[in-house]
N, C-alpha and C. Protein backbone atom coordinates (compact mmCIF):
# COMPACT_ATOMS: atom_id res chain seq x y z
N MET A 1 0.88 -1.08 -0.14
CA MET A 1 0.17 -0.09 0.13
C MET A 1 0.87 1.19 0.09
N LEU A 2 1.52 1.45 0.98
CA LEU A 2 2.75 2.52 0.65
C LEU A 2 3.15 2.78 -0.47
N ARG A 3 3.53 1.82 -1.20
CA ARG A 3 4.49 1.83 -2.47
C ARG A 3 3.61 2.52 -3.52
N ALA A 4 2.04 2.45 -3.64
CA ALA A 4 1.30 3.06 -4.46
C ALA A 4 0.61 4.42 -3.93
N ASN A 5 1.24 4.65 -2.64
CA ASN A 5 1.09 5.94 -2.49
C ASN A 5 2.39 7.28 -2.64
N ASP A 6 3.36 5.96 -2.81
CA ASP A 6 4.68 6.69 -2.68
C ASP A 6 4.80 7.41 -4.27
N ARG A 7 4.78 8.98 -4.87
CA ARG A 7 5.17 9.25 -5.91
C ARG A 7 6.43 10.20 -5.57
N THR A 8 6.97 10.47 -4.74
CA THR A 8 8.21 11.39 -4.70
C THR A 8 9.10 11.28 -5.52
N CYS A 9 9.32 10.50 -6.44
CA CYS A 9 10.34 10.35 -7.25
C CYS A 9 9.88 10.21 -8.55
N ASP A 10 8.84 10.15 -8.87
CA ASP A 10 7.91 9.94 -9.92
C ASP A 10 7.40 11.27 -10.36
N TRP A 11 8.20 12.24 -10.97
CA TRP A 11 7.85 13.16 -11.44
C TRP A 11 9.14 13.80 -12.26
N LYS A 12 8.43 14.84 -13.43
CA LYS A 12 9.27 14.88 -14.46
C LYS A 12 9.89 16.32 -14.13
N PRO A 13 10.92 16.70 -13.79
CA PRO A 13 11.92 17.95 -13.78
C PRO A 13 11.64 18.75 -14.73
N GLY A 14 11.63 20.23 -14.36
CA GLY A 14 11.97 21.04 -15.65
C GLY A 14 13.32 20.71 -16.23
N ARG A 15 13.52 21.74 -17.17
CA ARG A 15 15.06 21.64 -17.70
C ARG A 15 16.10 22.09 -17.02
N ASP A 16 16.99 21.76 -17.09
CA ASP A 16 18.56 21.67 -16.12
C ASP A 16 18.32 21.61 -14.60
N VAL A 17 17.55 20.65 -13.73
CA VAL A 17 17.20 20.78 -12.83
C VAL A 17 18.04 19.74 -12.48
N ARG A 18 18.92 20.28 -11.11
CA ARG A 18 19.63 19.45 -10.41
C ARG A 18 19.50 19.07 -8.93
N ILE A 19 19.41 17.88 -8.60
CA ILE A 19 18.97 17.63 -7.64
C ILE A 19 19.71 16.51 -6.95
N THR A 20 19.82 16.81 -5.39
CA THR A 20 20.84 16.41 -4.67
C THR A 20 20.29 15.71 -3.81
N LEU A 21 20.53 14.38 -3.32
CA LEU A 21 19.57 13.90 -2.53
C LEU A 21 20.69 13.19 -1.23
N TYR A 22 20.47 13.10 -0.06
CA TYR A 22 21.30 13.16 0.81
C TYR A 22 20.98 12.00 1.64
N SER A 23 21.53 10.82 2.36
CA SER A 23 21.57 9.81 2.73
C SER A 23 22.91 9.26 3.50
N ALA A 24 22.88 8.18 4.11
CA ALA A 24 23.91 7.43 4.95
C ALA A 24 23.94 6.23 5.16
N THR A 25 24.94 5.30 4.86
CA THR A 25 25.11 3.82 4.86
C THR A 25 24.59 3.50 6.31
N GLY A 26 24.56 4.46 6.85
CA GLY A 26 24.12 4.08 8.48
C GLY A 26 22.75 4.09 9.04
N ASP A 27 22.28 4.46 8.12
CA ASP A 27 20.87 5.12 8.54
C ASP A 27 20.06 3.82 8.31
N ARG A 28 19.57 3.14 9.61
CA ARG A 28 18.93 2.23 9.81
C ARG A 28 17.40 2.50 9.54
N ASP A 29 16.57 3.93 9.27
CA ASP A 29 15.06 4.21 9.03
C ASP A 29 14.86 4.09 7.53
N VAL A 30 15.85 4.80 6.91
CA VAL A 30 15.77 4.60 5.00
C VAL A 30 16.94 4.49 4.72
N PRO A 31 17.13 2.87 4.28
CA PRO A 31 18.02 2.77 3.80
C PRO A 31 18.72 3.34 2.30
N ILE A 32 20.04 3.73 2.21
CA ILE A 32 20.24 4.34 1.39
C ILE A 32 19.99 3.67 -0.09
N ALA A 33 20.03 2.67 -0.25
CA ALA A 33 19.18 2.17 -1.67
C ALA A 33 18.23 2.66 -1.89
N ASN A 34 17.27 3.11 -0.80
CA ASN A 34 16.11 3.86 -1.48
C ASN A 34 16.49 4.98 -1.96
N THR A 35 17.39 5.75 -1.58
CA THR A 35 18.14 6.83 -2.07
C THR A 35 18.43 6.85 -3.49
N ARG A 36 19.43 5.97 -3.73
CA ARG A 36 19.66 5.60 -5.22
C ARG A 36 18.72 5.08 -6.05
N SER A 37 17.96 4.47 -5.80
CA SER A 37 16.62 3.83 -6.56
C SER A 37 15.64 5.35 -6.84
N CYS A 38 15.90 6.39 -6.01
CA CYS A 38 15.23 7.20 -6.46
C CYS A 38 15.72 8.36 -7.26
N ALA A 39 17.18 8.05 -6.89
CA ALA A 39 17.98 8.88 -7.73
C ALA A 39 18.01 8.58 -9.12
N ARG A 40 18.20 7.35 -9.86
CA ARG A 40 17.87 6.60 -11.12
C ARG A 40 16.33 6.78 -11.40
N GLN A 41 15.31 6.71 -10.61
CA GLN A 41 14.23 7.17 -11.27
C GLN A 41 14.05 8.62 -11.65
N LEU A 42 14.77 9.49 -10.96
CA LEU A 42 14.76 10.81 -11.33
C LEU A 42 15.40 10.93 -12.75
N ALA A 43 16.58 10.45 -12.38
CA ALA A 43 17.52 10.41 -13.66
C ALA A 43 16.76 9.92 -15.31
N GLY A 44 16.01 8.86 -15.06
CA GLY A 44 15.39 8.41 -16.05
C GLY A 44 14.12 9.46 -16.41
N HIS A 45 13.84 10.15 -15.66
CA HIS A 45 12.90 11.57 -16.14
C HIS A 45 13.86 12.71 -16.81
N GLY A 46 14.70 12.82 -16.37
CA GLY A 46 15.98 13.92 -17.24
C GLY A 46 16.37 14.51 -15.89
N ALA A 47 16.37 14.28 -15.02
CA ALA A 47 17.27 15.44 -13.74
C ALA A 47 18.35 14.81 -13.60
N ARG A 48 19.36 15.85 -13.49
CA ARG A 48 20.88 15.32 -12.75
C ARG A 48 21.14 15.32 -11.56
N THR A 49 20.87 13.88 -10.91
CA THR A 49 20.79 13.60 -9.61
C THR A 49 22.39 13.20 -9.30
N THR A 50 22.57 14.07 -7.88
CA THR A 50 23.68 13.14 -6.90
C THR A 50 23.38 12.59 -5.65
N VAL A 51 23.91 11.40 -5.20
CA VAL A 51 23.52 11.15 -3.43
C VAL A 51 24.91 11.21 -3.24
N VAL A 52 24.18 12.15 -1.93
CA VAL A 52 25.69 12.44 -1.14
C VAL A 52 25.35 11.56 0.11
N ASP A 53 26.41 10.56 0.26
CA ASP A 53 26.56 9.45 1.38
C ASP A 53 27.22 10.23 2.96
N GLN A 54 26.25 10.20 3.64
CA GLN A 54 26.82 10.91 4.78
C GLN A 54 27.60 9.92 5.80
N GLY A 55 27.67 8.56 5.36
CA GLY A 55 28.78 7.69 6.25
C GLY A 55 28.20 6.62 6.63
N ALA A 56 28.83 5.56 7.26
CA ALA A 56 28.61 4.55 8.10
C ALA A 56 28.24 4.62 9.30
N ASP A 57 28.66 5.99 9.86
CA ASP A 57 28.52 6.01 11.33
C ASP A 57 27.25 6.98 11.90
N ALA A 58 26.84 7.54 10.33
CA ALA A 58 25.47 8.39 10.69
C ALA A 58 24.37 7.47 10.34
N ASP A 59 23.34 8.03 11.75
CA ASP A 59 22.23 7.50 11.51
C ASP A 59 21.36 8.47 10.88
N HIS A 60 19.97 7.92 10.89
CA HIS A 60 18.66 9.06 10.01
C HIS A 60 19.29 10.44 10.71
N TYR A 61 19.15 11.07 11.60
CA TYR A 61 19.34 12.04 12.52
C TYR A 61 20.61 12.69 12.41
N ARG A 62 21.67 11.99 12.04
CA ARG A 62 23.22 12.45 12.21
C ARG A 62 23.03 12.93 10.57
N SER A 63 22.58 11.97 9.87
CA SER A 63 22.59 12.47 8.30
C SER A 63 21.97 13.71 8.18
N PHE A 64 21.02 13.87 8.61
CA PHE A 64 20.09 14.99 8.64
C PHE A 64 21.28 16.33 8.87
N LEU A 65 21.61 16.16 9.99
CA LEU A 65 22.50 17.27 10.73
C LEU A 65 23.86 17.40 9.70
N ARG A 66 24.05 16.27 9.04
CA ARG A 66 25.15 16.77 8.34
C ARG A 66 25.08 17.86 7.03
N SER A 67 23.88 17.19 6.53
CA SER A 67 23.24 17.51 5.25
C SER A 67 22.71 18.79 5.58
N ALA A 68 22.37 19.63 6.72
CA ALA A 68 21.84 20.64 6.70
C ALA A 68 22.42 21.82 6.45
N PRO A 69 24.28 21.96 6.42
CA PRO A 69 24.69 23.21 6.02
C PRO A 69 24.56 23.28 4.23
N SER A 70 24.61 21.92 3.55
CA SER A 70 24.40 22.21 2.35
C SER A 70 23.16 22.44 1.86
N LEU A 71 22.10 21.99 2.62
CA LEU A 71 20.85 22.27 2.11
C LEU A 71 20.59 24.23 2.43
N ALA A 72 21.17 24.65 3.34
CA ALA A 72 21.18 26.42 3.62
C ALA A 72 21.81 26.49 2.85
N ARG A 73 23.07 26.30 2.22
CA ARG A 73 23.57 27.48 1.48
C ARG A 73 22.60 27.38 0.14
N ALA A 74 22.24 26.17 -0.05
CA ALA A 74 21.11 26.17 -1.68
C ALA A 74 20.19 26.71 -1.69
N LEU A 75 19.41 26.97 -0.51
CA LEU A 75 18.35 28.18 -0.25
C LEU A 75 18.64 29.52 -1.04
N PRO A 76 17.65 29.89 -1.58
CA PRO A 76 17.60 31.41 -2.11
C PRO A 76 17.80 32.41 -1.15
N VAL A 77 18.47 33.39 -1.11
CA VAL A 77 18.58 34.65 -0.23
C VAL A 77 17.74 35.59 -0.56
N ALA A 78 16.61 36.11 0.36
CA ALA A 78 15.85 37.04 0.21
C ALA A 78 16.67 38.51 0.56
N ARG A 79 16.31 39.34 -0.62
CA ARG A 79 16.89 40.61 -0.65
C ARG A 79 15.97 41.60 -0.38
């Protein structure tokens, strides 16, 4: 049932969209295989994807903490 409702990676991005997905081999909540599968699916729809592995010592929360600075730099700056 969850698979039928999961459409996160099933979309066609606009032209020249770059997508970076953050994950960790140490994450026991969301296996990095899910992230790699999503990257392949998005690439199949024309996105340029990158998977960043935050390490074998990173659980789900630590993976987020390590990814946060990169995410913050990618956000647009209000002027």
